[in-house]
């Protein structure tokens, strides 16, 4: 495959956290609002084009909450750019879903392959405990509404859940089967120094942390859910390419986030060497899958 081992990894799949601002306050959040910076649209597009040039096939827009910026227009324009101009096979967004309106789907739905909505519990009281909520909105009701819009506008629907102290005993089999996502990503609550643990952190996630054994028991309870994709701490740490709001790769290998220089300043190849990215681990965790909606046998 590779001529030499020191060749930089290919950024096949990239997670771009273009904002750290959020309207939820999840207690275990590992990408917190330490800055309010967002790149100008043109700069973000320039960086995305550089990544495409370097081999990117999938982009995932994340935050913070991606739909906060310019009422979802910012992420909408980036999604359209990546699909229309860059012709990326896969464009996805991770959102808490609270700010997405139907008119967004009307305008941008055709350019989006996958919408992943974070939902950690089907018990509203647990969502409130975790901090996944805002005011009177019902997170679970909203999830069903978004599911329907994804069907209507031809977007693959995915659910992300963080398994933690407050939901580890829950049985989500029925609800997940009813929602029928293409993928259900189940993460073990992860501690990142300076983000959700330690002195300079904006969150204290210690009280949310569960043991590997607890996590295994949760997975075992849901082993009949065919779309379940488990992500233990070990799998997560080095197998994601994360770009922050300045388009710097974040290296989580040492349990905290150490940024590279921005790709906008030094180029993708120079920056990615500092990313701590483990290409083998990425492939081992099934990071590469059928991710273009054109290739999915979707039952809309």
Foldseek 3Di string as FASTA:
>chain_A
DDPDDLFFDQPQEAEEAQAQAAQWCFQLDQRHHPDGDGDPLVLVLVQVLLSLVSHYQEYEYEHRACCVPVNNVSVLVVLCCCCPVSVRLAYEYEHCQPRDDLVSLVRRVVSHAEYEHEDADPDQVLCVVRRSDDPPDRSNVSLLVVLVSCLVSVHQYEYEHEQWPSPLPPQCQVVCVVSPGQAYEYEFRAAAELDADDDNHPHPCVRTHDDPVSVVVSCVSNVPPVRYQYHYRVLPQAAHFYAYSQQWTFHCVVRYTDTFPHCSPVNDRRRSSPNSHDPVSNVVSVVDDNRRSVPDPDDD
